[in-house]
């Protein structure tokens, strides 16, 4: 299955890229595939978010991990 066939959903977003990278590492260590989508303004990094997306079939597992590590899952 290619990435084009996967339905990705946002499970976490933040305006701090380092935080998104840390959460991504935590999910990957649990063997949950994930990608970062940077929606921050390239000139002013204070505007916008970095979103962490997982395949829809991993959404619940990812949310449970985020909650257990005191990260708030995205409302999306």
PDB file of N, CA and C in Angstrom:
ATOM      1  N   UNK A   1       0.845  -1.174   0.000  1.00  0.00           N
ATOM      2  CA  UNK A   1       0.000   0.000   0.000  1.00  0.00           C
ATOM      3  C   UNK A   1       0.890   1.236   0.000  1.00  0.00           C
ATOM      4  N   UNK A   2       0.642   2.166  -0.883  1.00  0.00           N
ATOM      5  CA  UNK A   2       1.434   3.393  -0.952  1.00  0.00           C
ATOM      6  C   UNK A   2       0.829   4.456  -0.043  1.00  0.00           C
ATOM      7  N   UNK A   3       1.608   5.509   0.222  1.00  0.00           N
ATOM      8  CA  UNK A   3       1.118   6.611   1.062  1.00  0.00           C
ATOM      9  C   UNK A   3      -0.116   7.266   0.461  1.00  0.00           C
ATOM     10  N   UNK A   4      -0.271   7.181  -0.862  1.00  0.00           N
ATOM     11  CA  UNK A   4      -1.440   7.786  -1.500  1.00  0.00           C
ATOM     12  C   UNK A   4      -2.715   7.027  -1.161  1.00  0.00           C
ATOM     13  N   UNK A   5      -2.595   5.760  -0.822  1.00  0.00           N
ATOM     14  CA  UNK A   5      -3.758   4.938  -0.502  1.00  0.00           C
ATOM     15  C   UNK A   5      -4.154   5.032   0.974  1.00  0.00           C
ATOM     16  N   UNK A   6      -3.314   5.630   1.791  1.00  0.00           N
ATOM     17  CA  UNK A   6      -3.552   5.697   3.231  1.00  0.00           C
ATOM     18  C   UNK A   6      -4.373   6.936   3.563  1.00  0.00           C
ATOM     19  N   UNK A   7      -5.379   6.761   4.403  1.00  0.00           N
ATOM     20  CA  UNK A   7      -6.154   7.905   4.885  1.00  0.00           C
ATOM     21  C   UNK A   7      -5.510   8.387   6.179  1.00  0.00           C
ATOM     22  N   UNK A   8      -4.861   9.546   6.126  1.00  0.00           N
ATOM     23  CA  UNK A   8      -4.152  10.113   7.270  1.00  0.00           C
ATOM     24  C   UNK A   8      -5.078  11.024   8.059  1.00  0.00           C
ATOM     25  N   UNK A   9      -4.955  10.996   9.398  1.00  0.00           N
ATOM     26  CA  UNK A   9      -5.743  11.870  10.275  1.00  0.00           C
ATOM     27  C   UNK A   9      -4.801  12.564  11.254  1.00  0.00           C
ATOM     28  N   UNK A  10      -5.154  13.783  11.603  1.00  0.00           N
ATOM     29  CA  UNK A  10      -4.353  14.562  12.543  1.00  0.00           C
ATOM     30  C   UNK A  10      -4.673  14.117  13.972  1.00  0.00           C
ATOM     31  N   UNK A  11      -3.626  13.780  14.737  1.00  0.00           N
ATOM     32  CA  UNK A  11      -3.827  13.379  16.131  1.00  0.00           C
ATOM     33  C   UNK A  11      -3.181  14.354  17.113  1.00  0.00           C
ATOM     34  N   UNK A  12      -2.345  15.264  16.599  1.00  0.00           N
ATOM     35  CA  UNK A  12      -1.654  16.193  17.493  1.00  0.00           C
ATOM     36  C   UNK A  12      -1.208  17.399  16.687  1.00  0.00           C
ATOM     37  N   UNK A  13      -1.324  18.592  17.278  1.00  0.00           N
ATOM     38  CA  UNK A  13      -0.776  19.778  16.635  1.00  0.00           C
ATOM     39  C   UNK A  13      -0.237  20.732  17.684  1.00  0.00           C
ATOM     40  N   UNK A  14       0.802  21.446  17.290  1.00  0.00           N
ATOM     41  CA  UNK A  14       1.487  22.372  18.180  1.00  0.00           C
ATOM     42  C   UNK A  14       2.151  23.449  17.333  1.00  0.00           C
ATOM     43  N   UNK A  15       2.497  24.556  17.955  1.00  0.00           N
ATOM     44  CA  UNK A  15       3.255  25.578  17.235  1.00  0.00           C
ATOM     45  C   UNK A  15       4.755  25.445  17.514  1.00  0.00           C
ATOM     46  N   UNK A  16       5.143  24.377  18.221  1.00  0.00           N
ATOM     47  CA  UNK A  16       6.561  24.126  18.527  1.00  0.00           C
ATOM     48  C   UNK A  16       7.010  22.862  17.803  1.00  0.00           C
ATOM     49  N   UNK A  17       7.849  23.042  16.795  1.00  0.00           N
ATOM     50  CA  UNK A  17       8.289  21.903  15.980  1.00  0.00           C
ATOM     51  C   UNK A  17       9.012  20.844  16.810  1.00  0.00           C
ATOM     52  N   UNK A  18       9.839  21.283  17.774  1.00  0.00           N
ATOM     53  CA  UNK A  18      10.579  20.298  18.590  1.00  0.00           C
ATOM     54  C   UNK A  18       9.629  19.406  19.369  1.00  0.00           C
ATOM     55  N   UNK A  19       8.507  19.948  19.814  1.00  0.00           N
ATOM     56  CA  UNK A  19       7.521  19.149  20.540  1.00  0.00           C
ATOM     57  C   UNK A  19       6.877  18.122  19.597  1.00  0.00           C
ATOM     58  N   UNK A  20       6.564  18.555  18.382  1.00  0.00           N
ATOM     59  CA  UNK A  20       5.987  17.638  17.396  1.00  0.00           C
ATOM     60  C   UNK A  20       6.970  16.513  17.069  1.00  0.00           C
ATOM     61  N   UNK A  21       8.252  16.849  16.956  1.00  0.00           N
ATOM     62  CA  UNK A  21       9.272  15.830  16.678  1.00  0.00           C
ATOM     63  C   UNK A  21       9.372  14.823  17.826  1.00  0.00           C
ATOM     64  N   UNK A  22       9.272  15.305  19.064  1.00  0.00           N
ATOM     65  CA  UNK A  22       9.335  14.420  20.232  1.00  0.00           C
ATOM     66  C   UNK A  22       8.134  13.467  20.255  1.00  0.00           C
ATOM     67  N   UNK A  23       6.955  13.996  19.998  1.00  0.00           N
ATOM     68  CA  UNK A  23       5.750  13.163  19.975  1.00  0.00           C
ATOM     69  C   UNK A  23       5.841  12.149  18.835  1.00  0.00           C
ATOM     70  N   UNK A  24       6.338  12.574  17.691  1.00  0.00           N
ATOM     71  CA  UNK A  24       6.517  11.665  16.553  1.00  0.00           C
ATOM     72  C   UNK A  24       7.442  10.509  16.943  1.00  0.00           C
ATOM     73  N   UNK A  25       8.522  10.827  17.618  1.00  0.00           N
ATOM     74  CA  UNK A  25       9.447   9.788  18.067  1.00  0.00           C
ATOM     75  C   UNK A  25       8.789   8.812  19.026  1.00  0.00           C
ATOM     76  N   UNK A  26       7.946   9.325  19.921  1.00  0.00           N
ATOM     77  CA  UNK A  26       7.240   8.460  20.867  1.00  0.00           C
ATOM     78  C   UNK A  26       6.302   7.493  20.140  1.00  0.00           C
ATOM     79  N   UNK A  27       5.575   8.005  19.144  1.00  0.00           N
ATOM     80  CA  UNK A  27       4.655   7.138  18.400  1.00  0.00           C
ATOM     81  C   UNK A  27       5.425   6.123  17.556  1.00  0.00           C
ATOM     82  N   UNK A  28       6.508   6.552  16.931  1.00  0.00           N
ATOM     83  CA  UNK A  28       7.301   5.630  16.120  1.00  0.00           C
ATOM     84  C   UNK A  28       7.926   4.528  16.974  1.00  0.00           C
ATOM     85  N   UNK A  29       8.283   4.847  18.212  1.00  0.00           N
ATOM     86  CA  UNK A  29       8.841   3.819  19.095  1.00  0.00           C
ATOM     87  C   UNK A  29       7.801   2.763  19.454  1.00  0.00           C
ATOM     88  N   UNK A  30       6.526   3.110  19.302  1.00  0.00           N
ATOM     89  CA  UNK A  30       5.434   2.150  19.514  1.00  0.00           C
ATOM     90  C   UNK A  30       4.975   1.527  18.191  1.00  0.00           C
ATOM     91  N   UNK A  31       5.789   1.731  17.151  1.00  0.00           N
ATOM     92  CA  UNK A  31       5.535   1.189  15.819  1.00  0.00           C
ATOM     93  C   UNK A  31       4.253   1.711  15.176  1.00  0.00           C
ATOM     94  N   UNK A  32       3.953   2.979  15.464  1.00  0.00           N
ATOM     95  CA  UNK A  32       2.823   3.651  14.817  1.00  0.00           C
ATOM     96  C   UNK A  32       3.403   4.561  13.735  1.00  0.00           C
ATOM     97  N   UNK A  33       3.062   4.309  12.471  1.00  0.00           N
ATOM     98  CA  UNK A  33       3.578   5.165  11.402  1.00  0.00           C
ATOM     99  C   UNK A  33       2.985   6.565  11.513  1.00  0.00           C
ATOM    100  N   UNK A  34       3.804   7.572  11.273  1.00  0.00           N
ATOM    101  CA  UNK A  34       3.307   8.940  11.380  1.00  0.00           C
ATOM    102  C   UNK A  34       4.146   9.872  10.511  1.00  0.00           C
ATOM    103  N   UNK A  35       3.535  10.993  10.169  1.00  0.00           N
ATOM    104  CA  UNK A  35       4.201  12.023   9.383  1.00  0.00           C
ATOM    105  C   UNK A  35       3.906  13.380  10.008  1.00  0.00           C
ATOM    106  N   UNK A  36       4.840  14.310   9.815  1.00  0.00           N
ATOM    107  CA  UNK A  36       4.630  15.686  10.258  1.00  0.00           C
ATOM    108  C   UNK A  36       4.210  16.519   9.058  1.00  0.00           C
ATOM    109  N   UNK A  37       3.248  17.378   9.278  1.00  0.00           N
ATOM    110  CA  UNK A  37       2.796  18.308   8.253  1.00  0.00           C
ATOM    111  C   UNK A  37       2.999  19.711   8.810  1.00  0.00           C
ATOM    112  N   UNK A  38       3.967  20.429   8.251  1.00  0.00           N
ATOM    113  CA  UNK A  38       4.316  21.758   8.745  1.00  0.00           C
ATOM    114  C   UNK A  38       3.427  22.797   8.071  1.00  0.00           C
ATOM    115  N   UNK A  39       2.557  23.405   8.854  1.00  0.00           N
ATOM    116  CA  UNK A  39       1.662  24.447   8.347  1.00  0.00           C
ATOM    117  C   UNK A  39       2.035  25.814   8.922  1.00  0.00           C
ATOM    118  N   UNK A  40       3.292  25.940   9.328  1.00  0.00           N
ATOM    119  CA  UNK A  40       3.759  27.208   9.858  1.00  0.00           C
ATOM    120  C   UNK A  40       4.196  28.124   8.722  1.00  0.00           C
ATOM    121  N   UNK A  41       4.015  29.413   8.929  1.00  0.00           N
ATOM    122  CA  UNK A  41       4.493  30.413   7.990  1.00  0.00           C
ATOM    123  C   UNK A  41       6.011  30.320   7.932  1.00  0.00           C
ATOM    124  N   UNK A  42       6.569  30.277   6.745  1.00  0.00           N
ATOM    125  CA  UNK A  42       8.014  30.104   6.617  1.00  0.00           C
ATOM    126  C   UNK A  42       8.798  31.350   7.019  1.00  0.00           C
ATOM    127  N   UNK A  43       8.167  32.497   7.053  1.00  0.00           N
ATOM    128  CA  UNK A  43       8.843  33.727   7.443  1.00  0.00           C
ATOM    129  C   UNK A  43       8.745  33.960   8.942  1.00  0.00           C
ATOM    130  N   UNK A  44       7.548  33.804   9.480  1.00  0.00           N
ATOM    131  CA  UNK A  44       7.301  34.035  10.902  1.00  0.00           C
ATOM    132  C   UNK A  44       6.833  32.727  11.524  1.00  0.00           C
ATOM    133  N   UNK A  45       7.750  31.988  12.137  1.00  0.00           N
ATOM    134  CA  UNK A  45       7.432  30.662  12.658  1.00  0.00           C
ATOM    135  C   UNK A  45       6.395  30.686  13.786  1.00  0.00           C
ATOM    136  N   UNK A  46       6.024  31.861  14.240  1.00  0.00           N
ATOM    137  CA  UNK A  46       5.041  31.966  15.315  1.00  0.00           C
ATOM    138  C   UNK A  46       3.614  31.757  14.805  1.00  0.00           C
ATOM    139  N   UNK A  47       3.415  31.773  13.505  1.00  0.00           N
ATOM    140  CA  UNK A  47       2.081  31.621  12.934  1.00  0.00           C
ATOM    141  C   UNK A  47       1.906  30.220  12.368  1.00  0.00           C
ATOM    142  N   UNK A  48       0.825  29.579  12.729  1.00  0.00           N
ATOM    143  CA  UNK A  48       0.524  28.264  12.194  1.00  0.00           C
ATOM    144  C   UNK A  48       0.933  27.134  13.127  1.00  0.00           C
ATOM    145  N   UNK A  49       0.742  25.934  12.649  1.00  0.00           N
ATOM    146  CA  UNK A  49       0.976  24.746  13.458  1.00  0.00           C
ATOM    147  C   UNK A  49       1.784  23.704  12.701  1.00  0.00           C
ATOM    148  N   UNK A  50       2.375  22.805  13.465  1.00  0.00           N
ATOM    149  CA  UNK A  50       2.947  21.574  12.937  1.00  0.00           C
ATOM    150  C   UNK A  50       1.994  20.468  13.383  1.00  0.00           C
ATOM    151  N   UNK A  51       1.479  19.722  12.418  1.00  0.00           N
ATOM    152  CA  UNK A  51       0.517  18.672  12.712  1.00  0.00           C
ATOM    153  C   UNK A  51       1.166  17.303  12.576  1.00  0.00           C
ATOM    154  N   UNK A  52       0.757  16.391  13.430  1.00  0.00           N
ATOM    155  CA  UNK A  52       1.223  15.010  13.382  1.00  0.00           C
ATOM    156  C   UNK A  52       0.055  14.146  12.917  1.00  0.00           C
ATOM    157  N   UNK A  53       0.266  13.422  11.821  1.00  0.00           N
ATOM    158  CA  UNK A  53      -0.786  12.598  11.226  1.00  0.00           C
ATOM    159  C   UNK A  53      -0.402  11.125  11.299  1.00  0.00           C
ATOM    160  N   UNK A  54      -1.408  10.285  11.515  1.00  0.00           N
ATOM    161  CA  UNK A  54      -1.243   8.829  11.520  1.00  0.00           C
ATOM    162  C   UNK A  54      -2.311   8.231  10.612  1.00  0.00           C
ATOM    163  N   UNK A  55      -2.073   7.017  10.110  1.00  0.00           N
ATOM    164  CA  UNK A  55      -3.143   6.336   9.357  1.00  0.00           C
ATOM    165  C   UNK A  55      -4.372   6.154  10.258  1.00  0.00           C
ATOM    166  N   UNK A  56      -5.534   6.275   9.671  1.00  0.00           N
ATOM    167  CA  UNK A  56      -6.775   6.260  10.455  1.00  0.00           C
ATOM    168  C   UNK A  56      -6.896   5.020  11.332  1.00  0.00           C
ATOM    169  N   UNK A  57      -6.381   3.890  10.879  1.00  0.00           N
ATOM    170  CA  UNK A  57      -6.505   2.669  11.689  1.00  0.00           C
ATOM    171  C   UNK A  57      -5.624   2.699  12.939  1.00  0.00           C
ATOM    172  N   UNK A  58      -4.697   3.656  13.027  1.00  0.00           N
ATOM    173  CA  UNK A  58      -3.846   3.807  14.211  1.00  0.00           C
ATOM    174  C   UNK A  58      -4.290   4.971  15.111  1.00  0.00           C
ATOM    175  N   UNK A  59      -5.373   5.636  14.744  1.00  0.00           N
ATOM    176  CA  UNK A  59      -5.803   6.841  15.467  1.00  0.00           C
ATOM    177  C   UNK A  59      -6.046   6.581  16.949  1.00  0.00           C
ATOM    178  N   UNK A  60      -6.836   5.595  17.285  1.00  0.00           N
ATOM    179  CA  UNK A  60      -7.165   5.319  18.697  1.00  0.00           C
ATOM    180  C   UNK A  60      -5.914   4.973  19.498  1.00  0.00           C
ATOM    181  N   UNK A  61      -5.057   4.122  18.945  1.00  0.00           N
ATOM    182  CA  UNK A  61      -3.826   3.738  19.645  1.00  0.00           C
ATOM    183  C   UNK A  61      -2.937   4.957  19.869  1.00  0.00           C
ATOM    184  N   UNK A  62      -2.823   5.806  18.848  1.00  0.00           N
ATOM    185  CA  UNK A  62      -1.999   7.012  18.978  1.00  0.00           C
ATOM    186  C   UNK A  62      -2.562   7.946  20.046  1.00  0.00           C
ATOM    187  N   UNK A  63      -3.877   8.126  20.061  1.00  0.00           N
ATOM    188  CA  UNK A  63      -4.505   8.989  21.064  1.00  0.00           C
ATOM    189  C   UNK A  63      -4.289   8.453  22.472  1.00  0.00           C
ATOM    190  N   UNK A  64      -4.351   7.136  22.641  1.00  0.00           N
ATOM    191  CA  UNK A  64      -4.123   6.543  23.962  1.00  0.00           C
ATOM    192  C   UNK A  64      -2.691   6.797  24.428  1.00  0.00           C
ATOM    193  N   UNK A  65      -1.743   6.664  23.522  1.00  0.00           N
ATOM    194  CA  UNK A  65      -0.346   6.927  23.864  1.00  0.00           C
ATOM    195  C   UNK A  65      -0.154   8.392  24.219  1.00  0.00           C
ATOM    196  N   UNK A  66      -0.737   9.289  23.431  1.00  0.00           N
ATOM    197  CA  UNK A  66      -0.613  10.721  23.720  1.00  0.00           C
ATOM    198  C   UNK A  66      -1.195  11.064  25.091  1.00  0.00           C
ATOM    199  N   UNK A  67      -2.349  10.512  25.395  1.00  0.00           N
ATOM    200  CA  UNK A  67      -2.973  10.777  26.700  1.00  0.00           C
ATOM    201  C   UNK A  67      -2.137  10.213  27.844  1.00  0.00           C
ATOM    202  N   UNK A  68      -1.555   9.042  27.652  1.00  0.00           N
ATOM    203  CA  UNK A  68      -0.760   8.430  28.716  1.00  0.00           C
ATOM    204  C   UNK A  68       0.539   9.211  28.967  1.00  0.00           C
ATOM    205  N   UNK A  69       0.959   9.998  27.978  1.00  0.00           N
ATOM    206  CA  UNK A  69       2.182  10.788  28.112  1.00  0.00           C
ATOM    207  C   UNK A  69       1.877  12.265  28.346  1.00  0.00           C
ATOM    208  N   UNK A  70       0.649  12.567  28.722  1.00  0.00           N
ATOM    209  CA  UNK A  70       0.211  13.921  29.048  1.00  0.00           C
ATOM    210  C   UNK A  70       0.269  14.911  27.883  1.00  0.00           C
ATOM    211  N   UNK A  71       0.105  14.398  26.665  1.00  0.00           N
ATOM    212  CA  UNK A  71      -0.067  15.258  25.503  1.00  0.00           C
ATOM    213  C   UNK A  71      -1.531  15.238  25.157  1.00  0.00           C
ATOM    214  N   UNK A  72      -2.082  16.378  24.765  1.00  0.00           N
ATOM    215  CA  UNK A  72      -3.484  16.436  24.395  1.00  0.00           C
ATOM    216  C   UNK A  72      -3.634  16.147  22.900  1.00  0.00           C
ATOM    217  N   UNK A  73      -4.360  15.077  22.549  1.00  0.00           N
ATOM    218  CA  UNK A  73      -4.596  14.815  21.130  1.00  0.00           C
ATOM    219  C   UNK A  73      -5.344  15.969  20.478  1.00  0.00           C
ATOM    220  N   UNK A  74      -5.154  16.123  19.194  1.00  0.00           N
ATOM    221  CA  UNK A  74      -5.852  17.148  18.439  1.00  0.00           C
ATOM    222  C   UNK A  74      -7.340  16.868  18.440  1.00  0.00           C
ATOM    223  N   UNK A  75      -8.128  17.920  18.366  1.00  0.00           N
ATOM    224  CA  UNK A  75      -9.585  17.769  18.312  1.00  0.00           C
ATOM    225  C   UNK A  75     -10.056  17.430  16.900  1.00  0.00           C
ATOM    226  N   UNK A  76      -9.146  17.438  15.915  1.00  0.00           N
ATOM    227  CA  UNK A  76      -9.511  17.172  14.517  1.00  0.00           C
ATOM    228  C   UNK A  76      -9.703  15.707  14.275  1.00  0.00           C
TER     229      UNK A  76
END
